[in-house]
Each structure stands twice: as C-alpha cells, then as structure tokens.
Protein backbone atom coordinates (compact mmCIF):
# COMPACT_ATOMS: atom_id res chain seq x y z
CA MET A 1 14.01 -23.65 -0.61
CA LYS A 2 12.59 -23.14 2.57
CA LYS A 3 14.11 -24.42 5.65
CA GLU A 4 10.87 -26.62 6.54
CA THR A 5 10.94 -28.48 3.33
CA ARG A 6 14.65 -29.24 3.39
CA ILE A 7 14.20 -30.49 6.96
CA PHE A 8 11.30 -32.69 5.71
CA LEU A 9 13.26 -33.94 2.48
CA VAL A 10 16.18 -34.51 5.46
CA ILE A 11 13.27 -37.12 6.86
CA LEU A 12 12.23 -38.82 3.80
CA ILE A 13 15.66 -39.86 3.06
CA ALA A 14 16.24 -40.66 6.62
CA PHE A 15 13.00 -43.10 6.79
CA PHE A 16 14.30 -44.61 3.25
CA LEU A 17 17.81 -45.74 4.67
CA ILE A 18 16.41 -46.79 7.70
CA GLY A 19 13.92 -48.73 6.06
CA LEU A 20 16.74 -50.20 3.21
CA GLY A 21 19.02 -51.05 5.98
CA LEU A 22 16.06 -52.92 7.76
CA GLN A 23 15.24 -54.81 4.79
CA PHE A 24 19.13 -55.88 4.11
CA TYR A 25 19.51 -56.56 8.00
CA ILE A 26 16.11 -59.01 7.71
CA TYR A 27 17.33 -60.79 4.34
CA ASN A 28 20.75 -61.43 5.96
CA GLN A 29 18.84 -63.32 8.99
CA THR A 30 16.63 -65.06 6.62
CA LYS A 31 19.51 -66.32 5.08
CA GLU A 32 21.51 -67.35 8.30
CA LEU A 33 18.16 -69.15 9.58
CA ILE A 34 17.81 -70.95 6.58
CA VAL A 35 21.30 -72.47 6.79
CA GLU A 36 21.13 -73.12 10.26
CA ASN A 37 17.79 -75.06 9.71
CA ASN A 38 19.39 -76.99 6.82
CA SER A 39 22.18 -77.70 9.02
CA LEU A 40 19.78 -79.06 11.59
CA ILE A 41 18.19 -81.12 8.98
CA VAL A 42 21.15 -82.67 7.45
CA GLY A 43 23.10 -83.13 10.87
CA THR A 44 20.24 -85.43 12.17
CA ILE A 45 19.74 -87.51 9.08
CA ILE A 46 23.68 -88.30 8.62
CA GLU A 47 23.74 -88.75 12.85
CA ALA A 48 21.31 -91.59 11.73
CA HIS A 49 22.82 -92.66 8.46
CA PRO A 50 26.38 -91.77 8.31
CA GLU A 51 26.88 -93.80 4.98
CA LEU A 52 24.69 -90.98 3.18
CA GLU A 53 26.81 -87.88 3.73
CA THR A 54 28.31 -88.00 0.25
CA GLU A 55 25.23 -88.60 -1.29
CA ILE A 56 23.27 -85.59 0.50
CA ILE A 57 25.78 -83.46 0.29
CA GLU A 58 25.63 -83.83 -3.69
CA ILE A 59 21.99 -83.41 -3.58
CA MET A 60 22.33 -79.95 -1.73
CA LYS A 61 25.02 -78.80 -4.44
CA GLN A 62 22.63 -79.05 -7.04
CA GLU A 63 20.58 -76.31 -8.51
CA ASN A 64 17.32 -78.01 -9.22
CA PHE A 65 15.33 -79.50 -6.64
CA THR A 66 12.26 -82.13 -7.11
CA GLU A 67 9.32 -80.61 -5.55
CA ASN A 68 7.26 -82.95 -3.53
CA ARG A 69 4.81 -81.15 -1.26
CA GLU A 70 2.35 -83.98 -1.06
CA ILE A 71 4.74 -85.68 1.16
CA LEU A 72 4.90 -82.55 3.51
CA GLU A 73 1.11 -82.06 3.12
CA LYS A 74 0.76 -85.76 4.22
CA TYR A 75 2.26 -85.18 7.79
CA GLY A 76 0.91 -81.43 8.13
CA PHE A 77 4.12 -79.77 7.63
CA THR A 78 2.87 -77.26 5.21
CA ASN A 79 0.78 -75.53 8.05
CA LEU A 80 2.92 -72.58 9.57
CA GLU A 81 1.62 -73.11 12.90
CA THR A 82 2.80 -76.74 12.93
CA LEU A 83 6.51 -75.22 12.32
CA GLU A 84 6.44 -72.96 15.16
CA TYR A 85 8.05 -75.49 17.41
CA LEU A 86 11.22 -75.07 15.47
CA GLU A 87 13.61 -72.99 17.16
CA SER A 88 14.44 -71.09 13.33
CA VAL A 89 10.85 -69.94 13.36
CA LYS A 90 10.93 -68.64 16.58
CA LYS A 91 14.47 -66.46 16.10
CA LEU A 92 12.94 -65.16 12.88
CA GLU A 93 9.67 -63.96 14.52
CA GLN A 94 11.93 -62.35 17.29
CA ILE A 95 14.12 -60.98 14.48
CA LEU A 96 10.86 -59.61 12.70
CA LEU A 97 9.23 -58.25 15.97
CA GLY A 98 12.42 -56.39 16.64
CA THR A 99 13.08 -54.57 13.49
CA TYR A 100 9.33 -53.37 13.57
CA ILE A 101 9.99 -51.94 17.16
CA MET A 102 13.19 -50.47 16.02
CA PHE A 103 11.87 -48.76 12.70
CA PHE A 104 8.78 -47.54 14.69
CA LEU A 105 10.91 -46.50 17.31
CA ALA A 106 13.25 -44.44 15.16
CA LEU A 107 10.27 -43.30 13.03
CA ALA A 108 9.15 -41.95 16.82
CA ILE A 109 12.13 -40.09 17.33
CA ILE A 110 12.58 -38.43 14.25
CA LEU A 111 9.02 -37.13 13.90
CA ILE A 112 9.39 -36.01 17.69
CA ILE A 113 12.80 -34.30 16.92
CA TYR A 114 11.08 -32.59 13.66
CA PHE A 115 8.29 -31.42 15.82
CA ILE A 116 10.47 -30.07 18.43
CA ILE A 117 12.60 -28.15 15.84
CA ILE A 118 9.62 -26.61 14.36
CA GLN A 119 7.86 -25.26 17.25
CA ARG A 120 10.98 -24.06 18.76
CA ARG A 121 11.59 -21.97 15.38
CA ARG A 122 7.86 -21.20 15.22
CA LYS A 123 8.27 -19.64 18.97
CA LYS A 124 11.21 -17.48 18.16
CA GLU A 125 9.44 -16.17 14.95
CA ILE A 126 6.53 -15.26 17.11
CA GLN A 127 9.07 -13.80 19.57
CA LYS A 128 10.51 -11.77 16.59
CA ILE A 129 6.66 -10.74 15.96
CA ASP A 130 6.22 -9.93 19.41
CA LYS A 131 8.92 -7.40 19.51
CA TYR A 132 7.93 -6.15 16.21
CA LEU A 133 4.79 -5.19 17.56
CA PHE A 134 6.12 -3.91 20.80
CA SER A 135 8.81 -1.79 19.04
CA LEU A 136 5.40 -0.26 17.12
CA LEU A 137 3.60 0.54 20.30
CA GLN A 138 6.43 2.59 21.55
CA ASP A 139 5.94 4.60 18.25
CA ASN A 140 8.93 3.03 16.68
CA ILE A 141 7.42 2.28 13.29
CA ASN A 142 11.29 2.05 11.50
CA VAL A 143 12.22 -1.38 12.85
CA ASN A 144 12.39 -3.78 10.32
CA LEU A 145 10.73 -7.50 10.55
CA LYS A 146 13.26 -10.12 9.29
CA ALA A 147 12.00 -12.32 6.41
CA PHE A 148 9.86 -15.55 7.76
CA GLN A 149 10.43 -18.75 5.65
CA SER A 150 7.24 -20.60 7.30
CA GLY A 151 4.26 -20.02 4.83
CA GLU A 152 1.87 -19.03 7.73
CA LEU A 153 4.17 -16.45 9.31
CA GLU A 154 5.41 -15.46 5.56
CA THR A 155 1.69 -14.27 5.06
CA LEU A 156 1.39 -13.02 8.81
CA GLN A 157 4.80 -10.95 7.86
CA ASN A 158 3.55 -9.49 4.45
CA ASP A 159 0.37 -7.96 6.36
CA LEU A 160 2.31 -6.35 9.27
CA MET A 161 4.53 -4.85 6.88
CA LYS A 162 1.35 -3.69 4.62
CA VAL A 163 -0.05 -2.23 8.11
CA THR A 164 3.46 -0.62 9.31
CA SER A 165 3.66 1.17 5.66
CA LYS A 166 0.26 2.52 6.21
CA LEU A 167 0.96 3.48 9.61
CA LYS A 168 4.07 5.17 8.33
CA ASN A 169 2.00 7.11 5.83
CA ALA A 170 -0.57 8.02 8.33
CA LEU A 171 2.28 9.34 10.58
CA ASP A 172 3.84 10.81 7.82
CA THR A 173 0.45 12.57 6.66
CA SER A 174 -0.22 13.38 10.46
CA THR A 175 2.62 15.19 10.53
CA LYS A 176 2.82 17.17 7.55
CA ASP A 177 -0.78 18.05 8.33
CA ARG A 178 0.10 19.49 11.82
CA GLN A 179 2.70 21.58 10.09
CA GLU A 180 0.57 22.57 7.77
CA LEU A 181 -2.16 23.37 10.19
CA SER A 182 0.23 25.05 12.04
CA LYS A 183 1.58 27.33 9.16
CA ASN A 184 -2.10 28.18 8.29
CA LEU A 185 -2.97 29.20 11.95
CA ALA A 186 0.24 31.23 11.76
CA ASP A 187 -1.12 32.69 8.43
CA ILE A 188 -4.61 33.33 9.37
CA SER A 189 -3.39 35.08 12.48
CA HIS A 190 -1.29 37.22 10.60
CA GLN A 191 -3.76 37.95 8.17
CA LEU A 192 -6.25 39.06 11.18
CA LYS A 193 -4.12 40.73 13.16
CA THR A 194 -4.01 44.18 11.11
CA PRO A 195 -7.64 44.36 10.46
CA LEU A 196 -8.53 43.60 13.80
CA THR A 197 -6.10 46.54 15.05
CA SER A 198 -7.92 48.56 12.75
CA LEU A 199 -11.09 48.07 13.84
CA PHE A 200 -9.99 48.56 17.57
CA VAL A 201 -8.96 51.94 16.69
CA ILE A 202 -11.88 52.72 14.82
CA ASN A 203 -13.78 51.60 17.50
CA GLU A 204 -11.94 54.03 19.86
CA ALA A 205 -12.31 56.87 17.74
CA LEU A 206 -16.06 56.79 17.57
CA GLN A 207 -16.59 56.80 21.25
CA TYR A 208 -14.61 60.26 21.22
CA LYS A 209 -17.67 62.77 22.39
CA ASP A 210 -16.27 65.83 19.65
CA ILE A 211 -16.07 63.49 16.79
CA ASN A 212 -18.05 65.15 14.28
CA GLU A 213 -20.60 63.46 11.84
CA THR A 214 -18.34 63.34 8.91
CA GLN A 215 -15.79 61.60 10.53
CA LYS A 216 -18.00 59.27 12.11
CA GLU A 217 -19.53 58.42 8.34
CA GLU A 218 -15.98 57.84 7.27
CA PHE A 219 -15.05 55.74 10.62
CA ILE A 220 -17.93 53.21 9.77
CA LYS A 221 -17.68 52.80 5.92
CA LYS A 222 -13.85 51.70 6.76
CA GLN A 223 -15.23 49.60 9.74
CA GLU A 224 -17.25 48.08 6.86
CA GLU A 225 -14.75 47.48 4.54
CA ILE A 226 -12.56 45.88 7.33
CA LEU A 227 -15.37 43.72 8.17
CA THR A 228 -15.88 42.71 4.26
CA HIS A 229 -12.28 41.78 4.14
CA ILE A 230 -12.34 39.49 7.10
CA GLU A 231 -15.65 37.89 6.01
CA THR A 232 -14.22 37.26 2.25
CA LEU A 233 -11.15 35.89 4.17
CA ILE A 234 -12.95 33.29 6.26
CA THR A 235 -15.30 32.71 3.21
CA SER A 236 -11.97 31.69 1.02
CA LEU A 237 -10.40 29.69 4.05
CA LEU A 238 -13.22 27.84 4.57
CA LYS A 239 -13.53 27.13 0.86
CA VAL A 240 -10.01 25.99 0.61
CA SER A 241 -10.19 23.72 3.64
CA GLN A 242 -13.26 22.23 2.38
CA ILE A 243 -11.34 21.24 -0.70
CA GLU A 244 -7.83 20.03 0.45
CA SER A 245 -9.22 18.31 3.43
CA GLY A 246 -11.63 16.42 1.33
CA MET A 247 -14.65 17.32 3.00
CA ILE A 248 -16.63 17.76 0.01
CA THR A 249 -16.62 15.58 -3.00
CA LEU A 250 -16.33 17.14 -6.60
CA LYS A 251 -19.21 16.05 -9.23
CA LYS A 252 -18.21 14.93 -12.48
CA GLU A 253 -20.31 16.76 -14.82
CA THR A 254 -20.07 17.19 -18.30
CA ILE A 255 -19.92 20.94 -18.47
CA SER A 256 -20.37 23.14 -21.57
CA LEU A 257 -16.88 25.57 -21.37
CA THR A 258 -18.95 28.72 -23.23
CA ASN A 259 -21.76 28.52 -20.92
CA LEU A 260 -19.40 27.89 -18.07
CA LEU A 261 -17.36 31.16 -18.81
CA LYS A 262 -20.68 32.81 -19.33
CA GLU A 263 -21.49 32.54 -15.72
CA VAL A 264 -18.11 33.76 -14.46
CA TYR A 265 -18.44 36.80 -16.82
CA ASN A 266 -22.10 37.52 -15.02
CA GLN A 267 -20.02 37.02 -11.85
CA LEU A 268 -17.72 39.51 -12.97
CA GLU A 269 -19.71 42.19 -14.75
CA LEU A 270 -19.83 44.94 -12.30
CA ILE A 271 -15.73 45.14 -12.20
CA ILE A 272 -15.37 44.61 -16.05
CA VAL A 273 -17.91 47.25 -17.01
CA SER A 274 -16.74 49.69 -14.28
CA LYS A 275 -13.28 49.60 -15.74
CA ASN A 276 -14.74 49.50 -19.22
CA ILE A 277 -12.42 46.09 -20.01
CA LYS A 278 -12.56 44.75 -23.42
CA VAL A 279 -13.00 40.86 -22.75
CA THR A 280 -12.44 38.84 -25.89
CA TYR A 281 -14.02 34.74 -26.71
CA ASN A 282 -12.23 32.37 -28.92
CA ILE A 283 -13.86 29.18 -27.81
CA PRO A 284 -15.62 26.82 -29.92
CA LYS A 285 -19.10 26.45 -28.73
CA ASN A 286 -19.14 22.44 -28.84
CA ILE A 287 -16.05 22.24 -26.35
CA LYS A 288 -16.93 20.41 -23.19
CA ILE A 289 -14.98 19.55 -19.98
CA THR A 290 -15.80 17.17 -16.91
CA GLY A 291 -15.71 18.41 -13.33
CA ASP A 292 -17.77 20.07 -10.90
CA ALA A 293 -19.67 22.96 -12.39
CA TYR A 294 -19.92 24.87 -9.07
CA TRP A 295 -16.02 24.89 -8.28
CA LEU A 296 -15.00 25.09 -11.43
CA ARG A 297 -16.66 28.11 -11.85
CA GLU A 298 -15.11 29.11 -8.43
CA ALA A 299 -11.37 28.39 -9.94
CA LEU A 300 -12.13 30.24 -13.57
CA SER A 301 -13.86 33.48 -11.72
CA ASN A 302 -10.62 33.73 -9.28
CA ILE A 303 -8.06 33.42 -12.97
CA VAL A 304 -10.51 35.87 -14.63
CA LYS A 305 -10.95 38.41 -11.46
CA ASN A 306 -7.11 38.52 -10.98
CA ALA A 307 -6.42 39.41 -14.78
CA CYS A 308 -9.31 42.11 -14.70
CA GLU A 309 -7.63 43.40 -11.38
CA HIS A 310 -4.30 43.82 -12.96
CA VAL A 311 -5.49 45.72 -15.96
CA GLU A 312 -5.83 49.64 -16.48
CA GLU A 313 -8.91 51.36 -17.75
CA LYS A 314 -10.11 50.07 -21.00
CA GLY A 315 -7.38 47.01 -20.69
CA SER A 316 -8.22 43.92 -22.51
CA VAL A 317 -8.70 40.14 -21.60
CA THR A 318 -8.55 37.51 -23.89
CA LEU A 319 -10.00 33.76 -23.26
CA THR A 320 -9.25 31.46 -25.72
CA ALA A 321 -9.82 27.50 -25.86
CA LYS A 322 -8.94 24.52 -27.87
CA GLU A 323 -9.52 20.63 -27.98
CA THR A 324 -6.96 18.08 -28.59
CA PRO A 325 -6.93 14.18 -28.33
CA MET A 326 -5.83 14.58 -24.51
CA PHE A 327 -7.34 17.68 -23.34
CA VAL A 328 -9.02 20.86 -23.39
CA GLU A 329 -6.85 23.81 -23.19
CA LEU A 330 -8.16 27.34 -22.00
CA VAL A 331 -5.89 30.46 -22.05
CA VAL A 332 -6.60 33.66 -20.26
CA GLU A 333 -4.33 36.57 -21.28
CA ASP A 334 -4.49 40.40 -19.85
CA ASN A 335 -2.20 42.94 -21.19
CA GLY A 336 -1.61 44.31 -17.59
CA GLY A 337 1.42 45.29 -15.68
CA GLY A 338 2.47 41.45 -15.57
CA ILE A 339 4.42 39.80 -12.69
CA LYS A 340 8.02 39.58 -11.82
CA GLU A 341 9.95 36.91 -12.70
CA SER A 342 10.84 36.53 -9.00
CA ASP A 343 7.32 36.05 -8.09
CA LEU A 344 5.94 33.64 -10.29
CA PRO A 345 7.11 30.42 -8.54
CA HIS A 346 5.12 31.81 -5.47
CA ILE A 347 1.99 33.02 -7.03
CA PHE A 348 -0.48 29.80 -5.97
CA GLU A 349 0.91 29.99 -2.51
CA ARG A 350 -1.68 30.94 0.00
CA PHE A 351 -1.35 34.52 1.32
CA TYR A 352 1.38 35.55 -1.48
CA LYS A 353 0.68 38.88 -2.73
CA SER A 354 2.57 39.82 -6.02
CA SER A 355 1.34 43.15 -6.09
CA PRO A 356 0.30 45.77 -3.40
CA ASN A 357 -3.27 45.18 -3.90
CA LYS A 358 -5.16 46.23 -1.04
CA ASN A 359 -8.55 44.23 -1.76
CA SER A 360 -6.57 41.15 -2.43
CA ILE A 361 -6.10 38.71 0.58
CA GLY A 362 -3.99 36.01 -1.29
CA ILE A 363 -5.93 33.00 -1.62
CA GLY A 364 -7.74 33.02 -5.10
CA LEU A 365 -5.39 31.60 -7.15
CA ASN A 366 -4.06 29.16 -4.21
CA LEU A 367 -7.87 27.80 -4.20
CA THR A 368 -8.20 27.79 -7.99
CA LYS A 369 -5.07 25.36 -8.12
CA SER A 370 -6.75 23.07 -5.51
CA ILE A 371 -9.97 23.03 -7.02
CA LEU A 372 -7.89 22.22 -10.94
CA ASP A 373 -5.97 19.74 -8.94
CA LYS A 374 -8.86 17.76 -7.69
CA THR A 375 -10.34 18.06 -11.19
CA ASN A 376 -7.22 16.54 -12.93
CA ALA A 377 -6.51 19.57 -14.57
CA THR A 378 -3.23 21.38 -14.82
CA ILE A 379 -2.41 25.37 -14.40
CA ARG A 380 0.66 27.03 -15.43
CA VAL A 381 1.34 30.85 -15.72
CA GLN A 382 3.62 33.01 -18.00
CA SER A 383 4.26 36.78 -17.87
CA GLU A 384 6.40 39.69 -18.67
CA GLU A 385 6.55 42.97 -16.75
CA ASN A 386 4.51 45.69 -18.17
CA LYS A 387 3.45 43.80 -21.07
CA TYR A 388 1.01 40.61 -20.46
CA THR A 389 0.63 37.46 -17.88
CA LYS A 390 -1.31 34.39 -19.25
CA PHE A 391 -2.55 31.36 -17.42
CA THR A 392 -3.05 28.38 -19.27
CA ILE A 393 -5.37 25.31 -18.16
CA HIS A 394 -5.39 21.68 -19.15
CA PHE A 395 -8.21 19.85 -18.50
CA TYR A 396 -7.12 16.45 -18.86
CA LYS A 397 -9.74 13.57 -20.39
CA SER A 398 -8.28 10.76 -18.83
CA VAL A 399 -5.51 10.27 -15.99
CA VAL A 400 -1.98 11.52 -16.83
C-alpha cells in the first residue's frame, strides 16, 4: 500500500474517532441538561407545595407518562424560541457551538498536517529528481533513481528511466561506433598505404630520363592495376558503410532465385570462361526469396566469385537450392583448395584474407554477411583443405 494512501486512511479513522467522541460528549451533556432542567421544575413545584413531594417523585419513577401537548401549546411552550430564556437551553447551544468549533479546528489541523507532510515528501522527491538530472548532465548515467510511491512522480520516474535507458544505449552505440570508426580508419589507412607507396615509387621511376619505352609501359600498366585496386577498395568500403550505417533501406521484393543466379553468372562470366570452370545448377525454377534484388545480387556475386577464384583451371562450382517451410536454403560449393581451420572463424571479418590472393581486398565476404544480416538471412561456411569449401545460406520466410 502506498504511503499517501496509508496517511489518507489514518485521517479517515481520525475523523471517525473524533466524530464518535463528539457524539458521545453531546449525548452526555444533553442528559445532564435534562436532569438539571427536571430538577429545576421539580424543585420549584415542591417549594410551593411540599406536600406533593412524594407524589411527584413517584410520578417521575414511572416509565410511561401521559402526553398532553395541548396545555404547552396553550401557553406557547412548544415554540422553541420561547424556550431560549431557559438556562439549560442556553448551555446546550453553547455546548453545540463549542463542539462544532472543536470539530472544525481538529479537521483543519489534521488537513494542514496532512498537506504539510505531502508537500515535504513531494519536495524531497523533486529534489531527488533534480539531483538525478544533474548527475545525467554530468555524464553520470549509471546513477540509480530510487522508486517513488506517489502516482504522478511514479509515472515521471518511469519516463525518466526510459530516457536514461535510451541514453545508455545511445552512449554505448556511440562508443562502439567511435571504436569501430577508429578501427576502420586504421584498417583503411593500412590498406591504402602499400598501393600509395607503390604509386609514389612508380611515379619517381617514370621521371627518370633514361627509362626506355618497355619499362615505361610496364610501370603505367602497374599504375593502372594499383589505381583499379584502390577504386575497388573505396567502392567496396562505401557499399559496406551504406549497409551498416543504415543509409539505405533494403527493399522487400519477391525474387526468383533462378533469375537472380543467372544475373550473378553474367557478372562473373569472364572469370568463369577464362578458367574454364564448370558451374552446375540444382535450382528448382519455382523457388522465390524475399529481399532487395540489387544487394542480394551483390552478396551472391561475392560468394560465387570467391569460389571461382579459389578453384584451379577446369574446376567446378555447384549451386544447390531447396525450400523448407521455414526457409530457402542455397548452397555454393567448390572443389578448390579449401580454407584452413584456423581461418574459418575470421573469413567474414573486414580486410581478412585467408589466402595470399593479390587481387583480393578482404571486403567481399564481410559485405555479403552485412547484406544477409539485413535481409533476415544467415550464412555459414564449411571447408576442408585441398578438398572443398561450402557456403550455406538460409533465407528465412519469417523472423526467427
């Protein structure tokens, strides 16, 4: 039970007890006045007629009296105003007036005390809120706000706790974002340092007067390769940042998986044909998935491209799909050199390279996982060195 409710109940009980006591007091005083009035009447009659004392006393002992209001009405004694000269009536009026004054004074005092208590409690609780807000302004968001028992402040407390929770989450997110940004800048700086250094070296070599045309063409070709690498790196980083920062909203389209994989094949046809890779499809034509066609094509292209890059000449890549009540499963498997067991936990990390592929920048699989995470899909990898690598993707039909 709340403290204010308890105080209110105590006040009600106090009013009841005071009212009961006043009624008992008025009752006793009224009886006393009746006795006093009777004594005056009897005393006056006996003083004038002493011989009637015994008869009068016997009459007063009776339980039933004969009522005769006509005589009182005849002389005007039924009019209350004519009784005001009586001392007993005056005393009764004084008693009633004093009783009412005492009752209302007690009521006023109790109410004043009640409101003083409530205001003091409210002031203390407001001071707690003020102290709490001051702590928040001092960036101390770990301070606790003690529970309030009054309705309005309890609601305010709940709202403040919600705001504090959001501030904590925002601060944690901001801290993680700063740490991630710092790490990303360090990674980008590291990734750009080597190609930029190579460009400076090539630029200095091209300035030599005795350089021949053959060397010049080789240096220019190398420059183009490095610039292409830098362009690919920057483009990939922009795509990753767009996905992870929420700068773009992925569409929810119904996509034919067969048509999507055909587009992926068209993008990678050059590498597939140049290495004479055998690509096998085990994809039912009626399978559909939900997501953004552009970004899913980007994600699947990275998976298939990774498979094509890691198989030898005339290697094979197999794409298999099946549908269950919960998800659509897509498996991309190759018979390449596989991935070391120690590398498997890290292959989706940014800039991580499981093989010394000079053309790889280590962002493709990281981008793929980011896209799939945003598409209500999961990806896992299995591999064995010198035998195979298999990526399994689950496109869920509902939130897991």
